[in-house]
Amino acid sequence: MTRKLFRQIVNGLIIVLVVFAGFYFLAQPYAFQGSLIEPPLPTADFSLKQADGKNFRLSDQQGKLVLLYFGYTFCPDVCPTTLYDLARAKERLGENASEIQVLMITVDPERDAPDQLEKYVTTFDPSFIGLTGDITELESIWSDFGVYRKKNETNGASGYLVDHTSRVYVIDRNGNLRLTFPFGMEFEAMADDLAYLLDSE
């Protein structure tokens, strides 16, 4: 066997291996980095108040991915960190960012008025929406999403803190719960999961 023929055979084998490797990786299912809800769970519609007394309905967001977070404006650490990461994940999506709607529903309705919520969430991204309502409405929504909430009295100026669920709930274009993101998940990983959902639906 000549050296030239040997090189041709080796090069041919490399090309075949590259092609097979490409097919193999393309055939692999996407591995979500958040927690996948399978099968997807339908979410109950709700109506809450936003700034200027406007009523917000979840069902009006069909066609978008909704990132639902439960927090409060006096939150010292977890809430601002999460909202900052959501803003960065949304920004990372580029032109597809308009297909994402981030909501924060208060777990502290005693202190979080609609205008205060709007001012708080829009410091992270102008498109973010803060929502509140009467305690009966909120308790129903907290229950639907399995949200934990407990008020803890403190000696600080705020008077109390609220322990609460820190996950982000991802609702797909059809109103189904598809994913949850745990606190501390990297915003790049969030963006990857969201980009896949946007491309696959």
C-alpha atoms as a PDB file:
ATOM      1  CA  MET A   1       0.000   0.000   0.000  1.00  0.00           C
ATOM      2  CA  THR A   2       1.399   3.342  -1.020  1.00  0.00           C
ATOM      3  CA  ARG A   3       1.688   6.201   1.433  1.00  0.00           C
ATOM      4  CA  LYS A   4      -0.728   8.275  -0.684  1.00  0.00           C
ATOM      5  CA  LEU A   5      -3.372   5.530  -0.643  1.00  0.00           C
ATOM      6  CA  PHE A   6      -2.920   5.102   3.114  1.00  0.00           C
ATOM      7  CA  ARG A   7      -3.498   8.814   3.688  1.00  0.00           C
ATOM      8  CA  GLN A   8      -6.627   8.704   1.519  1.00  0.00           C
ATOM      9  CA  ILE A   9      -8.026   5.779   3.519  1.00  0.00           C
ATOM     10  CA  VAL A  10      -7.284   7.500   6.850  1.00  0.00           C
ATOM     11  CA  ASN A  11      -8.859  10.749   5.661  1.00  0.00           C
ATOM     12  CA  GLY A  12     -11.905   8.851   4.454  1.00  0.00           C
ATOM     13  CA  LEU A  13     -12.282   7.124   7.820  1.00  0.00           C
ATOM     14  CA  ILE A  14     -12.010  10.463   9.630  1.00  0.00           C
ATOM     15  CA  ILE A  15     -14.766  11.936   7.463  1.00  0.00           C
ATOM     16  CA  VAL A  16     -17.003   8.918   8.118  1.00  0.00           C
ATOM     17  CA  LEU A  17     -16.405   9.174  11.874  1.00  0.00           C
ATOM     18  CA  VAL A  18     -17.161  12.906  11.892  1.00  0.00           C
ATOM     19  CA  VAL A  19     -20.413  12.339   9.984  1.00  0.00           C
ATOM     20  CA  PHE A  20     -21.507   9.545  12.315  1.00  0.00           C
ATOM     21  CA  ALA A  21     -20.599  11.633  15.369  1.00  0.00           C
ATOM     22  CA  GLY A  22     -22.669  14.510  14.010  1.00  0.00           C
ATOM     23  CA  PHE A  23     -25.684  12.264  13.480  1.00  0.00           C
ATOM     24  CA  TYR A  24     -25.228  10.804  16.967  1.00  0.00           C
ATOM     25  CA  PHE A  25     -25.210  14.173  18.718  1.00  0.00           C
ATOM     26  CA  LEU A  26     -28.080  15.501  16.625  1.00  0.00           C
ATOM     27  CA  ALA A  27     -30.146  12.462  17.577  1.00  0.00           C
ATOM     28  CA  GLN A  28     -29.644  13.004  21.313  1.00  0.00           C
ATOM     29  CA  PRO A  29     -32.606  14.615  23.104  1.00  0.00           C
ATOM     30  CA  TYR A  30     -32.026  18.023  24.665  1.00  0.00           C
ATOM     31  CA  ALA A  31     -31.083  17.717  28.337  1.00  0.00           C
ATOM     32  CA  PHE A  32     -32.902  20.412  30.312  1.00  0.00           C
ATOM     33  CA  GLN A  33     -30.840  21.976  33.068  1.00  0.00           C
ATOM     34  CA  GLY A  34     -33.917  23.049  35.023  1.00  0.00           C
ATOM     35  CA  SER A  35     -36.372  20.508  36.450  1.00  0.00           C
ATOM     36  CA  LEU A  36     -38.596  19.213  33.644  1.00  0.00           C
ATOM     37  CA  ILE A  37     -42.298  18.709  34.414  1.00  0.00           C
ATOM     38  CA  GLU A  38     -43.346  15.615  32.479  1.00  0.00           C
ATOM     39  CA  PRO A  39     -46.080  15.446  31.402  1.00  0.00           C
ATOM     40  CA  PRO A  40     -46.677  19.217  31.388  1.00  0.00           C
ATOM     41  CA  LEU A  41     -49.257  20.379  33.936  1.00  0.00           C
ATOM     42  CA  PRO A  42     -52.102  22.723  32.949  1.00  0.00           C
ATOM     43  CA  THR A  43     -52.096  25.862  35.098  1.00  0.00           C
ATOM     44  CA  ALA A  44     -55.224  27.434  36.532  1.00  0.00           C
ATOM     45  CA  ASP A  45     -55.951  30.891  35.191  1.00  0.00           C
ATOM     46  CA  PHE A  46     -55.834  33.786  37.634  1.00  0.00           C
ATOM     47  CA  SER A  47     -56.501  37.503  37.717  1.00  0.00           C
ATOM     48  CA  LEU A  48     -54.485  39.873  39.917  1.00  0.00           C
ATOM     49  CA  LYS A  49     -53.830  43.591  40.195  1.00  0.00           C
ATOM     50  CA  GLN A  50     -50.852  45.402  38.745  1.00  0.00           C
ATOM     51  CA  ALA A  51     -49.929  49.079  38.861  1.00  0.00           C
ATOM     52  CA  ASP A  52     -52.574  51.726  38.076  1.00  0.00           C
ATOM     53  CA  GLY A  53     -55.307  49.309  39.124  1.00  0.00           C
ATOM     54  CA  LYS A  54     -55.024  47.273  35.934  1.00  0.00           C
ATOM     55  CA  ASN A  55     -56.176  43.668  36.055  1.00  0.00           C
ATOM     56  CA  PHE A  56     -53.734  41.068  34.789  1.00  0.00           C
ATOM     57  CA  ARG A  57     -54.880  37.635  33.570  1.00  0.00           C
ATOM     58  CA  LEU A  58     -52.440  34.785  33.092  1.00  0.00           C
ATOM     59  CA  SER A  59     -54.434  33.489  30.111  1.00  0.00           C
ATOM     60  CA  ASP A  60     -53.730  36.743  28.245  1.00  0.00           C
ATOM     61  CA  GLN A  61     -50.077  35.673  28.040  1.00  0.00           C
ATOM     62  CA  GLN A  62     -50.698  32.563  25.930  1.00  0.00           C
ATOM     63  CA  GLY A  63     -48.241  32.576  23.053  1.00  0.00           C
ATOM     64  CA  LYS A  64     -45.394  33.649  25.351  1.00  0.00           C
ATOM     65  CA  LEU A  65     -43.240  31.814  27.861  1.00  0.00           C
ATOM     66  CA  VAL A  66     -44.145  33.035  31.343  1.00  0.00           C
ATOM     67  CA  LEU A  67     -41.521  32.972  34.091  1.00  0.00           C
ATOM     68  CA  LEU A  68     -43.441  33.100  37.351  1.00  0.00           C
ATOM     69  CA  TYR A  69     -41.687  33.994  40.594  1.00  0.00           C
ATOM     70  CA  PHE A  70     -43.071  34.476  44.099  1.00  0.00           C
ATOM     71  CA  GLY A  71     -41.269  37.119  46.145  1.00  0.00           C
ATOM     72  CA  TYR A  72     -41.597  40.492  47.859  1.00  0.00           C
ATOM     73  CA  THR A  73     -40.075  43.948  47.731  1.00  0.00           C
ATOM     74  CA  PHE A  74     -38.530  43.844  51.220  1.00  0.00           C
ATOM     75  CA  CYS A  75     -36.662  40.623  50.372  1.00  0.00           C
ATOM     76  CA  PRO A  76     -33.002  41.200  51.278  1.00  0.00           C
ATOM     77  CA  ASP A  77     -31.219  38.704  49.052  1.00  0.00           C
ATOM     78  CA  VAL A  78     -32.944  35.820  47.239  1.00  0.00           C
ATOM     79  CA  CYS A  79     -35.508  37.918  45.332  1.00  0.00           C
ATOM     80  CA  PRO A  80     -33.142  40.558  43.918  1.00  0.00           C
ATOM     81  CA  THR A  81     -30.624  37.878  42.985  1.00  0.00           C
ATOM     82  CA  THR A  82     -33.260  35.838  41.165  1.00  0.00           C
ATOM     83  CA  LEU A  83     -34.774  38.804  39.328  1.00  0.00           C
ATOM     84  CA  TYR A  84     -31.317  39.969  38.270  1.00  0.00           C
ATOM     85  CA  ASP A  85     -30.537  36.510  36.873  1.00  0.00           C
ATOM     86  CA  LEU A  86     -33.890  36.372  35.056  1.00  0.00           C
ATOM     87  CA  ALA A  87     -33.153  39.740  33.467  1.00  0.00           C
ATOM     88  CA  ARG A  88     -29.756  38.499  32.277  1.00  0.00           C
ATOM     89  CA  ALA A  89     -31.245  35.258  30.937  1.00  0.00           C
ATOM     90  CA  LYS A  90     -33.891  37.226  29.046  1.00  0.00           C
ATOM     91  CA  GLU A  91     -31.292  39.609  27.633  1.00  0.00           C
ATOM     92  CA  ARG A  92     -29.229  36.633  26.465  1.00  0.00           C
ATOM     93  CA  LEU A  93     -32.119  35.518  24.230  1.00  0.00           C
ATOM     94  CA  GLY A  94     -31.627  38.546  22.000  1.00  0.00           C
ATOM     95  CA  GLU A  95     -34.508  39.190  19.614  1.00  0.00           C
ATOM     96  CA  ASN A  96     -36.480  36.332  21.198  1.00  0.00           C
ATOM     97  CA  ALA A  97     -36.588  38.183  24.525  1.00  0.00           C
ATOM     98  CA  SER A  98     -39.929  39.717  23.549  1.00  0.00           C
ATOM     99  CA  GLU A  99     -41.451  36.229  23.746  1.00  0.00           C
ATOM    100  CA  ILE A 100     -40.693  36.042  27.491  1.00  0.00           C
ATOM    101  CA  GLN A 101     -42.838  37.566  30.237  1.00  0.00           C
ATOM    102  CA  VAL A 102     -41.508  37.630  33.803  1.00  0.00           C
ATOM    103  CA  LEU A 103     -44.042  37.958  36.627  1.00  0.00           C
ATOM    104  CA  MET A 104     -43.487  38.361  40.349  1.00  0.00           C
ATOM    105  CA  ILE A 105     -46.468  37.585  42.577  1.00  0.00           C
ATOM    106  CA  THR A 106     -46.071  38.956  46.069  1.00  0.00           C
ATOM    107  CA  VAL A 107     -45.877  36.777  49.158  1.00  0.00           C
ATOM    108  CA  ASP A 108     -46.180  39.924  51.288  1.00  0.00           C
ATOM    109  CA  PRO A 109     -49.471  41.603  50.313  1.00  0.00           C
ATOM    110  CA  GLU A 110     -49.564  43.598  53.554  1.00  0.00           C
ATOM    111  CA  ARG A 111     -46.659  45.772  52.376  1.00  0.00           C
ATOM    112  CA  ASP A 112     -46.472  45.294  48.608  1.00  0.00           C
ATOM    113  CA  ALA A 113     -48.848  47.752  46.952  1.00  0.00           C
ATOM    114  CA  PRO A 114     -49.200  47.517  43.138  1.00  0.00           C
ATOM    115  CA  ASP A 115     -47.194  50.703  42.462  1.00  0.00           C
ATOM    116  CA  GLN A 116     -44.444  49.605  44.821  1.00  0.00           C
ATOM    117  CA  LEU A 117     -44.248  46.208  43.122  1.00  0.00           C
ATOM    118  CA  GLU A 118     -43.992  47.809  39.690  1.00  0.00           C
ATOM    119  CA  LYS A 119     -41.229  50.163  40.798  1.00  0.00           C
ATOM    120  CA  TYR A 120     -39.325  47.248  42.327  1.00  0.00           C
ATOM    121  CA  VAL A 121     -39.501  44.718  39.476  1.00  0.00           C
ATOM    122  CA  THR A 122     -38.925  47.230  36.676  1.00  0.00           C
ATOM    123  CA  THR A 123     -35.566  48.203  38.147  1.00  0.00           C
ATOM    124  CA  PHE A 124     -34.401  44.793  36.889  1.00  0.00           C
ATOM    125  CA  ASP A 125     -36.165  44.940  33.503  1.00  0.00           C
ATOM    126  CA  PRO A 126     -38.807  47.406  32.267  1.00  0.00           C
ATOM    127  CA  SER A 127     -40.988  44.555  30.984  1.00  0.00           C
ATOM    128  CA  PHE A 128     -41.243  42.729  34.328  1.00  0.00           C
ATOM    129  CA  ILE A 129     -44.674  42.804  35.975  1.00  0.00           C
ATOM    130  CA  GLY A 130     -45.417  42.751  39.720  1.00  0.00           C
ATOM    131  CA  LEU A 131     -48.772  41.400  40.885  1.00  0.00           C
ATOM    132  CA  THR A 132     -50.831  41.408  44.061  1.00  0.00           C
ATOM    133  CA  GLY A 133     -54.415  40.851  45.166  1.00  0.00           C
ATOM    134  CA  ASP A 134     -56.489  40.143  48.215  1.00  0.00           C
ATOM    135  CA  ILE A 135     -55.269  37.430  50.547  1.00  0.00           C
ATOM    136  CA  THR A 136     -57.901  34.907  49.416  1.00  0.00           C
ATOM    137  CA  GLU A 137     -56.858  35.234  45.767  1.00  0.00           C
ATOM    138  CA  LEU A 138     -53.185  34.993  46.627  1.00  0.00           C
ATOM    139  CA  GLU A 139     -53.584  32.001  48.921  1.00  0.00           C
ATOM    140  CA  SER A 140     -55.392  30.148  46.137  1.00  0.00           C
ATOM    141  CA  ILE A 141     -52.527  30.809  43.703  1.00  0.00           C
ATOM    142  CA  TRP A 142     -49.861  29.958  46.281  1.00  0.00           C
ATOM    143  CA  SER A 143     -51.659  26.671  46.867  1.00  0.00           C
ATOM    144  CA  ASP A 144     -51.969  25.899  43.142  1.00  0.00           C
ATOM    145  CA  PHE A 145     -48.197  26.226  42.708  1.00  0.00           C
ATOM    146  CA  GLY A 146     -47.249  24.616  46.015  1.00  0.00           C
ATOM    147  CA  VAL A 147     -45.652  27.810  47.295  1.00  0.00           C
ATOM    148  CA  TYR A 148     -44.356  27.841  50.856  1.00  0.00           C
ATOM    149  CA  ARG A 149     -44.709  31.139  52.744  1.00  0.00           C
ATOM    150  CA  LYS A 150     -44.032  31.945  56.389  1.00  0.00           C
ATOM    151  CA  LYS A 151     -43.737  35.333  58.068  1.00  0.00           C
ATOM    152  CA  ASN A 152     -40.858  35.684  60.543  1.00  0.00           C
ATOM    153  CA  GLU A 153     -40.761  38.594  62.975  1.00  0.00           C
ATOM    154  CA  THR A 154     -37.409  40.380  63.272  1.00  0.00           C
ATOM    155  CA  ASN A 155     -35.919  43.260  65.211  1.00  0.00           C
ATOM    156  CA  GLY A 156     -34.994  45.077  62.014  1.00  0.00           C
ATOM    157  CA  ALA A 157     -36.562  48.214  60.598  1.00  0.00           C
ATOM    158  CA  SER A 158     -38.814  46.196  58.266  1.00  0.00           C
ATOM    159  CA  GLY A 159     -40.471  44.433  61.198  1.00  0.00           C
ATOM    160  CA  TYR A 160     -40.515  40.997  59.595  1.00  0.00           C
ATOM    161  CA  LEU A 161     -39.114  38.863  56.793  1.00  0.00           C
ATOM    162  CA  VAL A 162     -40.955  36.252  54.752  1.00  0.00           C
ATOM    163  CA  ASP A 163     -39.539  32.786  54.133  1.00  0.00           C
ATOM    164  CA  HIS A 164     -40.831  31.567  50.784  1.00  0.00           C
ATOM    165  CA  THR A 165     -40.347  29.182  47.895  1.00  0.00           C
ATOM    166  CA  SER A 166     -37.508  30.452  45.731  1.00  0.00           C
ATOM    167  CA  ARG A 167     -38.067  28.487  42.512  1.00  0.00           C
ATOM    168  CA  VAL A 168     -39.037  30.025  39.178  1.00  0.00           C
ATOM    169  CA  TYR A 169     -41.963  28.386  37.378  1.00  0.00           C
ATOM    170  CA  VAL A 170     -41.806  28.258  33.577  1.00  0.00           C
ATOM    171  CA  ILE A 171     -45.191  28.186  31.841  1.00  0.00           C
ATOM    172  CA  ASP A 172     -45.191  27.397  28.127  1.00  0.00           C
ATOM    173  CA  ARG A 173     -47.017  29.111  25.273  1.00  0.00           C
ATOM    174  CA  ASN A 174     -50.085  26.923  25.852  1.00  0.00           C
ATOM    175  CA  GLY A 175     -50.390  27.695  29.551  1.00  0.00           C
ATOM    176  CA  ASN A 176     -48.792  24.476  30.815  1.00  0.00           C
ATOM    177  CA  LEU A 177     -46.168  24.254  33.554  1.00  0.00           C
ATOM    178  CA  ARG A 178     -43.075  22.843  31.828  1.00  0.00           C
ATOM    179  CA  LEU A 179     -40.050  23.610  33.997  1.00  0.00           C
ATOM    180  CA  THR A 180     -38.880  24.980  37.299  1.00  0.00           C
ATOM    181  CA  PHE A 181     -35.572  26.729  37.894  1.00  0.00           C
ATOM    182  CA  PRO A 182     -34.005  26.352  41.356  1.00  0.00           C
ATOM    183  CA  PHE A 183     -32.507  29.298  43.177  1.00  0.00           C
ATOM    184  CA  GLY A 184     -28.893  29.777  42.158  1.00  0.00           C
ATOM    185  CA  MET A 185     -29.211  28.282  38.672  1.00  0.00           C
ATOM    186  CA  GLU A 186     -26.851  30.045  36.272  1.00  0.00           C
ATOM    187  CA  PHE A 187     -28.589  32.519  33.996  1.00  0.00           C
ATOM    188  CA  GLU A 188     -26.814  31.017  30.967  1.00  0.00           C
ATOM    189  CA  ALA A 189     -28.432  27.652  31.748  1.00  0.00           C
ATOM    190  CA  MET A 190     -31.831  29.306  32.127  1.00  0.00           C
ATOM    191  CA  ALA A 191     -31.402  31.001  28.758  1.00  0.00           C
ATOM    192  CA  ASP A 192     -30.451  27.707  27.096  1.00  0.00           C
ATOM    193  CA  ASP A 193     -33.598  25.994  28.408  1.00  0.00           C
ATOM    194  CA  LEU A 194     -35.808  28.911  27.392  1.00  0.00           C
ATOM    195  CA  ALA A 195     -34.263  29.083  23.918  1.00  0.00           C
ATOM    196  CA  TYR A 196     -34.962  25.389  23.417  1.00  0.00           C
ATOM    197  CA  LEU A 197     -38.590  25.772  24.491  1.00  0.00           C
ATOM    198  CA  LEU A 198     -39.049  28.741  22.171  1.00  0.00           C
ATOM    199  CA  ASP A 199     -37.560  26.846  19.229  1.00  0.00           C
ATOM    200  CA  SER A 200     -39.443  23.602  19.869  1.00  0.00           C
ATOM    201  CA  GLU A 201     -42.971  24.967  20.263  1.00  0.00           C
END
